[in-house]
Full PDB file with SEQRES, HELIX, SHEET, SSBOND, CRYST1, ORIGX, SCALE, CONECT and MASTER records, all heavy atoms in Angstrom:
SEQRES   1 A   37  THR PRO ALA ILE ARG ILE GLU GLY ARG THR ASP ALA VAL          
SEQRES   2 A   37  LEU ALA LEU LYS THR ARG ALA GLY LYS THR VAL ARG LEU          
SEQRES   3 A   37  VAL PRO LEU ALA LEU THR THR VAL VAL GLU GLU                  
HELIX    1 AA1 PRO A   28  GLU A   36  1                                   9    
SHEET    1 AA1 2 LEU A  14  LYS A  17  0                                        
SHEET    2 AA1 2 THR A  23  LEU A  26 -1                                        
CRYST1    1.000    1.000    1.000  90.00  90.00  90.00 P 1           1          
ORIGX1      1.000000  0.000000  0.000000        0.00000                         
ORIGX2      0.000000  1.000000  0.000000        0.00000                         
ORIGX3      0.000000  0.000000  1.000000        0.00000                         
SCALE1      1.000000  0.000000  0.000000        0.00000                         
SCALE2      0.000000  1.000000  0.000000        0.00000                         
SCALE3      0.000000  0.000000  1.000000        0.00000                         
ATOM      1  N   THR A   1      -3.882 -26.173 -18.542  1.00  0.00           N  
ATOM      2  CA  THR A   1      -4.726 -25.415 -17.618  1.00  0.00           C  
ATOM      3  C   THR A   1      -4.735 -23.940 -18.019  1.00  0.00           C  
ATOM      4  O   THR A   1      -3.826 -23.458 -18.687  1.00  0.00           O  
ATOM      5  CB  THR A   1      -4.239 -25.552 -16.160  1.00  0.00           C  
ATOM      6  OG1 THR A   1      -2.899 -25.081 -16.079  1.00  0.00           O  
ATOM      7  CG2 THR A   1      -4.287 -27.002 -15.704  1.00  0.00           C  
ATOM      8  N   PRO A   2      -5.765 -23.205 -17.615  1.00  0.00           N  
ATOM      9  CA  PRO A   2      -5.825 -21.780 -17.992  1.00  0.00           C  
ATOM     10  C   PRO A   2      -4.595 -21.015 -17.495  1.00  0.00           C  
ATOM     11  O   PRO A   2      -4.143 -21.203 -16.372  1.00  0.00           O  
ATOM     12  CB  PRO A   2      -7.086 -21.281 -17.293  1.00  0.00           C  
ATOM     13  CG  PRO A   2      -7.898 -22.510 -17.032  1.00  0.00           C  
ATOM     14  CD  PRO A   2      -6.921 -23.621 -16.838  1.00  0.00           C  
ATOM     15  N   ALA A   3      -4.077 -20.177 -18.348  1.00  0.00           N  
ATOM     16  CA  ALA A   3      -2.917 -19.355 -17.995  1.00  0.00           C  
ATOM     17  C   ALA A   3      -3.406 -18.061 -17.351  1.00  0.00           C  
ATOM     18  O   ALA A   3      -4.416 -17.484 -17.765  1.00  0.00           O  
ATOM     19  CB  ALA A   3      -2.090 -19.051 -19.233  1.00  0.00           C  
ATOM     20  N   ILE A   4      -2.695 -17.616 -16.321  1.00  0.00           N  
ATOM     21  CA  ILE A   4      -3.063 -16.373 -15.638  1.00  0.00           C  
ATOM     22  C   ILE A   4      -1.852 -15.458 -15.534  1.00  0.00           C  
ATOM     23  O   ILE A   4      -0.704 -15.894 -15.621  1.00  0.00           O  
ATOM     24  CB  ILE A   4      -3.626 -16.636 -14.224  1.00  0.00           C  
ATOM     25  CG1 ILE A   4      -2.580 -17.323 -13.339  1.00  0.00           C  
ATOM     26  CG2 ILE A   4      -4.915 -17.413 -14.289  1.00  0.00           C  
ATOM     27  CD1 ILE A   4      -2.976 -17.407 -11.878  1.00  0.00           C  
ATOM     28  N   ARG A   5      -2.128 -14.179 -15.351  1.00  0.00           N  
ATOM     29  CA  ARG A   5      -1.076 -13.189 -15.111  1.00  0.00           C  
ATOM     30  C   ARG A   5      -1.505 -12.375 -13.896  1.00  0.00           C  
ATOM     31  O   ARG A   5      -2.626 -11.869 -13.828  1.00  0.00           O  
ATOM     32  CB  ARG A   5      -0.924 -12.271 -16.320  1.00  0.00           C  
ATOM     33  CG  ARG A   5       0.222 -11.272 -16.141  1.00  0.00           C  
ATOM     34  CD  ARG A   5       0.371 -10.331 -17.327  1.00  0.00           C  
ATOM     35  NE  ARG A   5      -0.611  -9.260 -17.185  1.00  0.00           N  
ATOM     36  CZ  ARG A   5      -1.551  -8.970 -18.068  1.00  0.00           C  
ATOM     37  NH1 ARG A   5      -1.668  -9.654 -19.171  1.00  0.00           N  
ATOM     38  NH2 ARG A   5      -2.396  -7.978 -17.852  1.00  0.00           N  
ATOM     39  N   ILE A   6      -0.627 -12.272 -12.909  1.00  0.00           N  
ATOM     40  CA  ILE A   6      -0.914 -11.504 -11.699  1.00  0.00           C  
ATOM     41  C   ILE A   6      -0.589 -10.041 -11.978  1.00  0.00           C  
ATOM     42  O   ILE A   6       0.517  -9.698 -12.371  1.00  0.00           O  
ATOM     43  CB  ILE A   6      -0.088 -12.016 -10.499  1.00  0.00           C  
ATOM     44  CG1 ILE A   6      -0.313 -13.512 -10.276  1.00  0.00           C  
ATOM     45  CG2 ILE A   6      -0.399 -11.210  -9.255  1.00  0.00           C  
ATOM     46  CD1 ILE A   6      -1.731 -13.892  -9.926  1.00  0.00           C  
ATOM     47  N   GLU A   7      -1.570  -9.177 -11.756  1.00  0.00           N  
ATOM     48  CA  GLU A   7      -1.357  -7.743 -11.952  1.00  0.00           C  
ATOM     49  C   GLU A   7      -0.880  -7.051 -10.690  1.00  0.00           C  
ATOM     50  O   GLU A   7      -0.337  -5.976 -10.746  1.00  0.00           O  
ATOM     51  CB  GLU A   7      -2.642  -7.078 -12.445  1.00  0.00           C  
ATOM     52  CG  GLU A   7      -2.982  -7.427 -13.860  1.00  0.00           C  
ATOM     53  CD  GLU A   7      -4.126  -6.591 -14.390  1.00  0.00           C  
ATOM     54  OE1 GLU A   7      -4.887  -6.008 -13.584  1.00  0.00           O  
ATOM     55  OE2 GLU A   7      -4.260  -6.520 -15.608  1.00  0.00           O  
ATOM     56  N   GLY A   8      -1.114  -7.656  -9.538  1.00  0.00           N  
ATOM     57  CA  GLY A   8      -0.634  -7.069  -8.295  1.00  0.00           C  
ATOM     58  C   GLY A   8      -1.752  -6.530  -7.429  1.00  0.00           C  
ATOM     59  O   GLY A   8      -2.932  -6.747  -7.685  1.00  0.00           O  
ATOM     60  N   ARG A   9      -1.375  -5.820  -6.378  1.00  0.00           N  
ATOM     61  CA  ARG A   9      -2.315  -5.311  -5.378  1.00  0.00           C  
ATOM     62  C   ARG A   9      -3.263  -4.284  -5.981  1.00  0.00           C  
ATOM     63  O   ARG A   9      -2.866  -3.464  -6.789  1.00  0.00           O  
ATOM     64  CB  ARG A   9      -1.568  -4.655  -4.215  1.00  0.00           C  
ATOM     65  CG  ARG A   9      -0.726  -5.611  -3.430  1.00  0.00           C  
ATOM     66  CD  ARG A   9      -1.578  -6.363  -2.458  1.00  0.00           C  
ATOM     67  NE  ARG A   9      -0.739  -7.362  -1.807  1.00  0.00           N  
ATOM     68  CZ  ARG A   9      -1.212  -8.453  -1.249  1.00  0.00           C  
ATOM     69  NH1 ARG A   9      -2.488  -8.689  -1.241  1.00  0.00           N  
ATOM     70  NH2 ARG A   9      -0.415  -9.310  -0.693  1.00  0.00           N  
ATOM     71  N   THR A  10      -4.500  -4.350  -5.522  1.00  0.00           N  
ATOM     72  CA  THR A  10      -5.478  -3.370  -5.949  1.00  0.00           C  
ATOM     73  C   THR A  10      -5.825  -2.416  -4.810  1.00  0.00           C  
ATOM     74  O   THR A  10      -6.565  -1.472  -5.011  1.00  0.00           O  
ATOM     75  CB  THR A  10      -6.770  -4.051  -6.443  1.00  0.00           C  
ATOM     76  OG1 THR A  10      -7.288  -4.849  -5.380  1.00  0.00           O  
ATOM     77  CG2 THR A  10      -6.513  -4.899  -7.661  1.00  0.00           C  
ATOM     78  N   ASP A  11      -5.314  -2.696  -3.606  1.00  0.00           N  
ATOM     79  CA  ASP A  11      -5.563  -1.800  -2.482  1.00  0.00           C  
ATOM     80  C   ASP A  11      -4.869  -0.461  -2.735  1.00  0.00           C  
ATOM     81  O   ASP A  11      -3.870  -0.383  -3.439  1.00  0.00           O  
ATOM     82  CB  ASP A  11      -4.994  -2.389  -1.180  1.00  0.00           C  
ATOM     83  CG  ASP A  11      -5.809  -3.575  -0.692  1.00  0.00           C  
ATOM     84  OD1 ASP A  11      -6.974  -3.700  -1.100  1.00  0.00           O  
ATOM     85  OD2 ASP A  11      -5.266  -4.363   0.095  1.00  0.00           O  
ATOM     86  N   ALA A  12      -5.401   0.569  -2.126  1.00  0.00           N  
ATOM     87  CA  ALA A  12      -4.853   1.908  -2.291  1.00  0.00           C  
ATOM     88  C   ALA A  12      -3.598   2.069  -1.439  1.00  0.00           C  
ATOM     89  O   ALA A  12      -3.682   2.191  -0.227  1.00  0.00           O  
ATOM     90  CB  ALA A  12      -5.888   2.952  -1.898  1.00  0.00           C  
ATOM     91  N   VAL A  13      -2.451   2.040  -2.078  1.00  0.00           N  
ATOM     92  CA  VAL A  13      -1.203   2.308  -1.367  1.00  0.00           C  
ATOM     93  C   VAL A  13      -1.085   3.823  -1.238  1.00  0.00           C  
ATOM     94  O   VAL A  13      -1.195   4.546  -2.225  1.00  0.00           O  
ATOM     95  CB  VAL A  13       0.008   1.718  -2.120  1.00  0.00           C  
ATOM     96  CG1 VAL A  13       1.307   2.121  -1.445  1.00  0.00           C  
ATOM     97  CG2 VAL A  13      -0.118   0.206  -2.213  1.00  0.00           C  
ATOM     98  N   LEU A  14      -0.893   4.292  -0.011  1.00  0.00           N  
ATOM     99  CA  LEU A  14      -0.808   5.734   0.213  1.00  0.00           C  
ATOM    100  C   LEU A  14       0.602   6.225  -0.052  1.00  0.00           C  
ATOM    101  O   LEU A  14       1.572   5.588   0.349  1.00  0.00           O  
ATOM    102  CB  LEU A  14      -1.210   6.061   1.646  1.00  0.00           C  
ATOM    103  CG  LEU A  14      -2.611   5.637   2.073  1.00  0.00           C  
ATOM    104  CD1 LEU A  14      -2.905   6.147   3.473  1.00  0.00           C  
ATOM    105  CD2 LEU A  14      -3.654   6.099   1.096  1.00  0.00           C  
ATOM    106  N   ALA A  15       0.705   7.339  -0.725  1.00  0.00           N  
ATOM    107  CA  ALA A  15       1.988   7.981  -0.985  1.00  0.00           C  
ATOM    108  C   ALA A  15       1.976   9.310  -0.236  1.00  0.00           C  
ATOM    109  O   ALA A  15       1.352  10.279  -0.669  1.00  0.00           O  
ATOM    110  CB  ALA A  15       2.191   8.199  -2.474  1.00  0.00           C  
ATOM    111  N   LEU A  16       2.646   9.348   0.912  1.00  0.00           N  
ATOM    112  CA  LEU A  16       2.684  10.544   1.751  1.00  0.00           C  
ATOM    113  C   LEU A  16       4.049  11.208   1.655  1.00  0.00           C  
ATOM    114  O   LEU A  16       5.053  10.543   1.399  1.00  0.00           O  
ATOM    115  CB  LEU A  16       2.369  10.165   3.197  1.00  0.00           C  
ATOM    116  CG  LEU A  16       0.979   9.555   3.413  1.00  0.00           C  
ATOM    117  CD1 LEU A  16       0.869   8.967   4.811  1.00  0.00           C  
ATOM    118  CD2 LEU A  16      -0.095  10.589   3.191  1.00  0.00           C  
ATOM    119  N   LYS A  17       4.075  12.504   1.877  1.00  0.00           N  
ATOM    120  CA  LYS A  17       5.329  13.276   1.794  1.00  0.00           C  
ATOM    121  C   LYS A  17       5.844  13.631   3.178  1.00  0.00           C  
ATOM    122  O   LYS A  17       5.081  14.048   4.047  1.00  0.00           O  
ATOM    123  CB  LYS A  17       5.101  14.576   1.014  1.00  0.00           C  
ATOM    124  CG  LYS A  17       4.676  14.373  -0.413  1.00  0.00           C  
ATOM    125  CD  LYS A  17       5.850  14.164  -1.303  1.00  0.00           C  
ATOM    126  CE  LYS A  17       5.379  14.118  -2.757  1.00  0.00           C  
ATOM    127  NZ  LYS A  17       6.416  13.745  -3.660  1.00  0.00           N  
ATOM    128  N   THR A  18       7.156  13.485   3.357  1.00  0.00           N  
ATOM    129  CA  THR A  18       7.809  13.924   4.583  1.00  0.00           C  
ATOM    130  C   THR A  18       7.974  15.442   4.522  1.00  0.00           C  
ATOM    131  O   THR A  18       7.727  16.060   3.476  1.00  0.00           O  
ATOM    132  CB  THR A  18       9.195  13.273   4.743  1.00  0.00           C  
ATOM    133  OG1 THR A  18      10.044  13.754   3.688  1.00  0.00           O  
ATOM    134  CG2 THR A  18       9.124  11.753   4.701  1.00  0.00           C  
ATOM    135  N   ARG A  19       8.431  16.035   5.621  1.00  0.00           N  
ATOM    136  CA  ARG A  19       8.701  17.486   5.617  1.00  0.00           C  
ATOM    137  C   ARG A  19       9.713  17.853   4.534  1.00  0.00           C  
ATOM    138  O   ARG A  19       9.629  18.922   3.940  1.00  0.00           O  
ATOM    139  CB  ARG A  19       9.252  17.915   6.979  1.00  0.00           C  
ATOM    140  CG  ARG A  19       8.191  18.266   7.946  1.00  0.00           C  
ATOM    141  CD  ARG A  19       8.736  19.032   9.156  1.00  0.00           C  
ATOM    142  NE  ARG A  19       7.642  19.255  10.062  1.00  0.00           N  
ATOM    143  CZ  ARG A  19       7.332  18.443  11.065  1.00  0.00           C  
ATOM    144  NH1 ARG A  19       8.073  17.393  11.311  1.00  0.00           N  
ATOM    145  NH2 ARG A  19       6.296  18.702  11.826  1.00  0.00           N  
ATOM    146  N   ALA A  20      10.665  16.956   4.292  1.00  0.00           N  
ATOM    147  CA  ALA A  20      11.717  17.220   3.314  1.00  0.00           C  
ATOM    148  C   ALA A  20      11.255  16.965   1.879  1.00  0.00           C  
ATOM    149  O   ALA A  20      12.016  17.178   0.939  1.00  0.00           O  
ATOM    150  CB  ALA A  20      12.935  16.347   3.626  1.00  0.00           C  
ATOM    151  N   GLY A  21      10.018  16.498   1.714  1.00  0.00           N  
ATOM    152  CA  GLY A  21       9.495  16.276   0.371  1.00  0.00           C  
ATOM    153  C   GLY A  21       9.697  14.870  -0.168  1.00  0.00           C  
ATOM    154  O   GLY A  21       9.315  14.581  -1.298  1.00  0.00           O  
ATOM    155  N   LYS A  22      10.263  13.986   0.627  1.00  0.00           N  
ATOM    156  CA  LYS A  22      10.471  12.601   0.196  1.00  0.00           C  
ATOM    157  C   LYS A  22       9.129  11.851   0.279  1.00  0.00           C  
ATOM    158  O   LYS A  22       8.356  12.035   1.207  1.00  0.00           O  
ATOM    159  CB  LYS A  22      11.496  11.923   1.096  1.00  0.00           C  
ATOM    160  CG  LYS A  22      11.761  10.487   0.739  1.00  0.00           C  
ATOM    161  CD  LYS A  22      12.743   9.843   1.703  1.00  0.00           C  
ATOM    162  CE  LYS A  22      12.857   8.366   1.374  1.00  0.00           C  
ATOM    163  NZ  LYS A  22      13.455   7.602   2.447  1.00  0.00           N  
ATOM    164  N   THR A  23       8.860  10.991  -0.700  1.00  0.00           N  
ATOM    165  CA  THR A  23       7.632  10.196  -0.713  1.00  0.00           C  
ATOM    166  C   THR A  23       7.837   8.902   0.065  1.00  0.00           C  
ATOM    167  O   THR A  23       8.811   8.185  -0.155  1.00  0.00           O  
ATOM    168  CB  THR A  23       7.215   9.867  -2.158  1.00  0.00           C  
ATOM    169  OG1 THR A  23       6.979  11.090  -2.855  1.00  0.00           O  
ATOM    170  CG2 THR A  23       5.960   9.017  -2.196  1.00  0.00           C  
ATOM    171  N   VAL A  24       6.913   8.617   0.966  1.00  0.00           N  
ATOM    172  CA  VAL A  24       6.912   7.367   1.730  1.00  0.00           C  
ATOM    173  C   VAL A  24       5.611   6.656   1.400  1.00  0.00           C  
ATOM    174  O   VAL A  24       4.534   7.229   1.541  1.00  0.00           O  
ATOM    175  CB  VAL A  24       7.012   7.625   3.248  1.00  0.00           C  
ATOM    176  CG1 VAL A  24       6.909   6.322   4.026  1.00  0.00           C  
ATOM    177  CG2 VAL A  24       8.307   8.351   3.584  1.00  0.00           C  
ATOM    178  N   ARG A  25       5.713   5.424   0.956  1.00  0.00           N  
ATOM    179  CA  ARG A  25       4.525   4.640   0.602  1.00  0.00           C  
ATOM    180  C   ARG A  25       4.141   3.740   1.773  1.00  0.00           C  
ATOM    181  O   ARG A  25       4.984   3.066   2.345  1.00  0.00           O  
ATOM    182  CB  ARG A  25       4.785   3.813  -0.642  1.00  0.00           C  
ATOM    183  CG  ARG A  25       5.098   4.682  -1.844  1.00  0.00           C  
ATOM    184  CD  ARG A  25       5.087   3.920  -3.148  1.00  0.00           C  
ATOM    185  NE  ARG A  25       5.562   4.726  -4.245  1.00  0.00           N  
ATOM    186  CZ  ARG A  25       4.918   5.715  -4.814  1.00  0.00           C  
ATOM    187  NH1 ARG A  25       3.729   6.045  -4.366  1.00  0.00           N  
ATOM    188  NH2 ARG A  25       5.419   6.404  -5.814  1.00  0.00           N  
ATOM    189  N   LEU A  26       2.850   3.748   2.098  1.00  0.00           N  
ATOM    190  CA  LEU A  26       2.325   2.931   3.188  1.00  0.00           C  
ATOM    191  C   LEU A  26       1.256   1.992   2.655  1.00  0.00           C  
ATOM    192  O   LEU A  26       0.346   2.424   1.949  1.00  0.00           O  
ATOM    193  CB  LEU A  26       1.724   3.817   4.282  1.00  0.00           C  
ATOM    194  CG  LEU A  26       2.651   4.821   4.957  1.00  0.00           C  
ATOM    195  CD1 LEU A  26       1.888   5.647   5.969  1.00  0.00           C  
ATOM    196  CD2 LEU A  26       3.813   4.119   5.614  1.00  0.00           C  
ATOM    197  N   VAL A  27       1.361   0.728   3.020  1.00  0.00           N  
ATOM    198  CA  VAL A  27       0.361  -0.246   2.593  1.00  0.00           C  
ATOM    199  C   VAL A  27      -0.831  -0.193   3.552  1.00  0.00           C  
ATOM    200  O   VAL A  27      -0.677   0.052   4.747  1.00  0.00           O  
ATOM    201  CB  VAL A  27       0.935  -1.670   2.510  1.00  0.00           C  
ATOM    202  CG1 VAL A  27       1.995  -1.763   1.424  1.00  0.00           C  
ATOM    203  CG2 VAL A  27       1.508  -2.110   3.833  1.00  0.00           C  
ATOM    204  N   PRO A  28      -2.025  -0.405   3.045  1.00  0.00           N  
ATOM    205  CA  PRO A  28      -3.234  -0.310   3.867  1.00  0.00           C  
ATOM    206  C   PRO A  28      -3.227  -1.223   5.088  1.00  0.00           C  
ATOM    207  O   PRO A  28      -3.686  -0.820   6.153  1.00  0.00           O  
ATOM    208  CB  PRO A  28      -4.354  -0.703   2.898  1.00  0.00           C  
ATOM    209  CG  PRO A  28      -3.805  -0.401   1.551  1.00  0.00           C  
ATOM    210  CD  PRO A  28      -2.339  -0.658   1.639  1.00  0.00           C  
ATOM    211  N   LEU A  29      -2.717  -2.436   4.950  1.00  0.00           N  
ATOM    212  CA  LEU A  29      -2.742  -3.378   6.064  1.00  0.00           C  
ATOM    213  C   LEU A  29      -2.011  -2.833   7.283  1.00  0.00           C  
ATOM    214  O   LEU A  29      -2.453  -3.022   8.415  1.00  0.00           O  
ATOM    215  CB  LEU A  29      -2.155  -4.724   5.640  1.00  0.00           C  
ATOM    216  CG  LEU A  29      -2.171  -5.817   6.701  1.00  0.00           C  
ATOM    217  CD1 LEU A  29      -3.602  -6.125   7.139  1.00  0.00           C  
ATOM    218  CD2 LEU A  29      -1.498  -7.072   6.179  1.00  0.00           C  
ATOM    219  N   ALA A  30      -0.924  -2.123   7.072  1.00  0.00           N  
ATOM    220  CA  ALA A  30      -0.173  -1.561   8.197  1.00  0.00           C  
ATOM    221  C   ALA A  30      -1.016  -0.536   8.950  1.00  0.00           C  
ATOM    222  O   ALA A  30      -1.075  -0.550  10.186  1.00  0.00           O  
ATOM    223  CB  ALA A  30       1.124  -0.927   7.692  1.00  0.00           C  
ATOM    224  N   LEU A  31      -1.669   0.341   8.219  1.00  0.00           N  
ATOM    225  CA  LEU A  31      -2.491   1.383   8.855  1.00  0.00           C  
ATOM    226  C   LEU A  31      -3.706   0.801   9.556  1.00  0.00           C  
ATOM    227  O   LEU A  31      -4.035   1.197  10.671  1.00  0.00           O  
ATOM    228  CB  LEU A  31      -2.933   2.404   7.810  1.00  0.00           C  
ATOM    229  CG  LEU A  31      -1.822   3.276   7.238  1.00  0.00           C  
ATOM    230  CD1 LEU A  31      -2.304   4.004   5.996  1.00  0.00           C  
ATOM    231  CD2 LEU A  31      -1.329   4.253   8.275  1.00  0.00           C  
ATOM    232  N   THR A  32      -4.383  -0.138   8.921  1.00  0.00           N  
ATOM    233  CA  THR A  32      -5.577  -0.708   9.539  1.00  0.00           C  
ATOM    234  C   THR A  32      -5.231  -1.508  10.786  1.00  0.00           C  
ATOM    235  O   THR A  32      -5.966  -1.470  11.769  1.00  0.00           O  
ATOM    236  CB  THR A  32      -6.366  -1.584   8.549  1.00  0.00           C  
ATOM    237  OG1 THR A  32      -5.525  -2.628   8.054  1.00  0.00           O  
ATOM    238  CG2 THR A  32      -6.909  -0.758   7.402  1.00  0.00           C  
ATOM    239  N   THR A  33      -4.099  -2.184  10.761  1.00  0.00           N  
ATOM    240  CA  THR A  33      -3.679  -2.951  11.933  1.00  0.00           C  
ATOM    241  C   THR A  33      -3.418  -2.033  13.122  1.00  0.00           C  
ATOM    242  O   THR A  33      -3.784  -2.346  14.254  1.00  0.00           O  
ATOM    243  CB  THR A  33      -2.423  -3.785  11.613  1.00  0.00           C  
ATOM    244  OG1 THR A  33      -2.739  -4.682  10.543  1.00  0.00           O  
ATOM    245  CG2 THR A  33      -1.962  -4.583  12.815  1.00  0.00           C  
ATOM    246  N   VAL A  34      -2.812  -0.879  12.865  1.00  0.00           N  
ATOM    247  CA  VAL A  34      -2.542   0.091  13.931  1.00  0.00           C  
ATOM    248  C   VAL A  34      -3.845   0.504  14.609  1.00  0.00           C  
ATOM    249  O   VAL A  34      -3.955   0.494  15.839  1.00  0.00           O  
ATOM    250  CB  VAL A  34      -1.793   1.326  13.371  1.00  0.00           C  
ATOM    251  CG1 VAL A  34      -1.776   2.460  14.377  1.00  0.00           C  
ATOM    252  CG2 VAL A  34      -0.368   0.949  12.977  1.00  0.00           C  
ATOM    253  N   VAL A  35      -4.853   0.853  13.825  1.00  0.00           N  
ATOM    254  CA  VAL A  35      -6.135   1.316  14.378  1.00  0.00           C  
ATOM    255  C   VAL A  35      -6.865   0.176  15.087  1.00  0.00           C  
ATOM    256  O   VAL A  35      -7.384   0.351  16.186  1.00  0.00           O  
ATOM    257  CB  VAL A  35      -7.013   1.941  13.278  1.00  0.00           C  
ATOM    258  CG1 VAL A  35      -8.396   2.285  13.801  1.00  0.00           C  
ATOM    259  CG2 VAL A  35      -6.331   3.184  12.710  1.00  0.00           C  
ATOM    260  N   GLU A  36      -6.896  -0.988  14.449  1.00  0.00           N  
ATOM    261  CA  GLU A  36      -7.609  -2.123  15.043  1.00  0.00           C  
ATOM    262  C   GLU A  36      -7.006  -2.523  16.390  1.00  0.00           C  
ATOM    263  O   GLU A  36      -7.733  -2.779  17.350  1.00  0.00           O  
ATOM    264  CB  GLU A  36      -7.587  -3.317  14.087  1.00  0.00           C  
ATOM    265  CG  GLU A  36      -8.487  -3.113  12.883  1.00  0.00           C  
ATOM    266  CD  GLU A  36      -8.294  -4.165  11.806  1.00  0.00           C  
ATOM    267  OE1 GLU A  36      -7.390  -5.025  11.938  1.00  0.00           O  
ATOM    268  OE2 GLU A  36      -9.046  -4.130  10.820  1.00  0.00           O  
ATOM    269  N   GLU A  37      -5.684  -2.577  16.464  1.00  0.00           N  
ATOM    270  CA  GLU A  37      -5.038  -2.997  17.708  1.00  0.00           C  
ATOM    271  C   GLU A  37      -5.098  -1.930  18.788  1.00  0.00           C  
ATOM    272  O   GLU A  37      -5.266  -2.243  19.964  1.00  0.00           O  
ATOM    273  CB  GLU A  37      -3.596  -3.417  17.435  1.00  0.00           C  
ATOM    274  CG  GLU A  37      -3.506  -4.723  16.658  1.00  0.00           C  
ATOM    275  CD  GLU A  37      -2.086  -5.178  16.427  1.00  0.00           C  
ATOM    276  OE1 GLU A  37      -1.125  -4.460  16.812  1.00  0.00           O  
ATOM    277  OE2 GLU A  37      -1.923  -6.265  15.843  1.00  0.00           O  
TER     278      GLU A  37                                                      
MASTER        0    0    0    1    2    0    0    6  277    1    0    3          
END                                                                             
């Protein structure tokens, strides 16, 4: 059967900075669920 390779998510994962400068990554589904609900 055809061989495939998964490259991973194509959605835009947001990389936001805390006040202290640490990067926090947020997946789109979490943010959209907050707004929708």
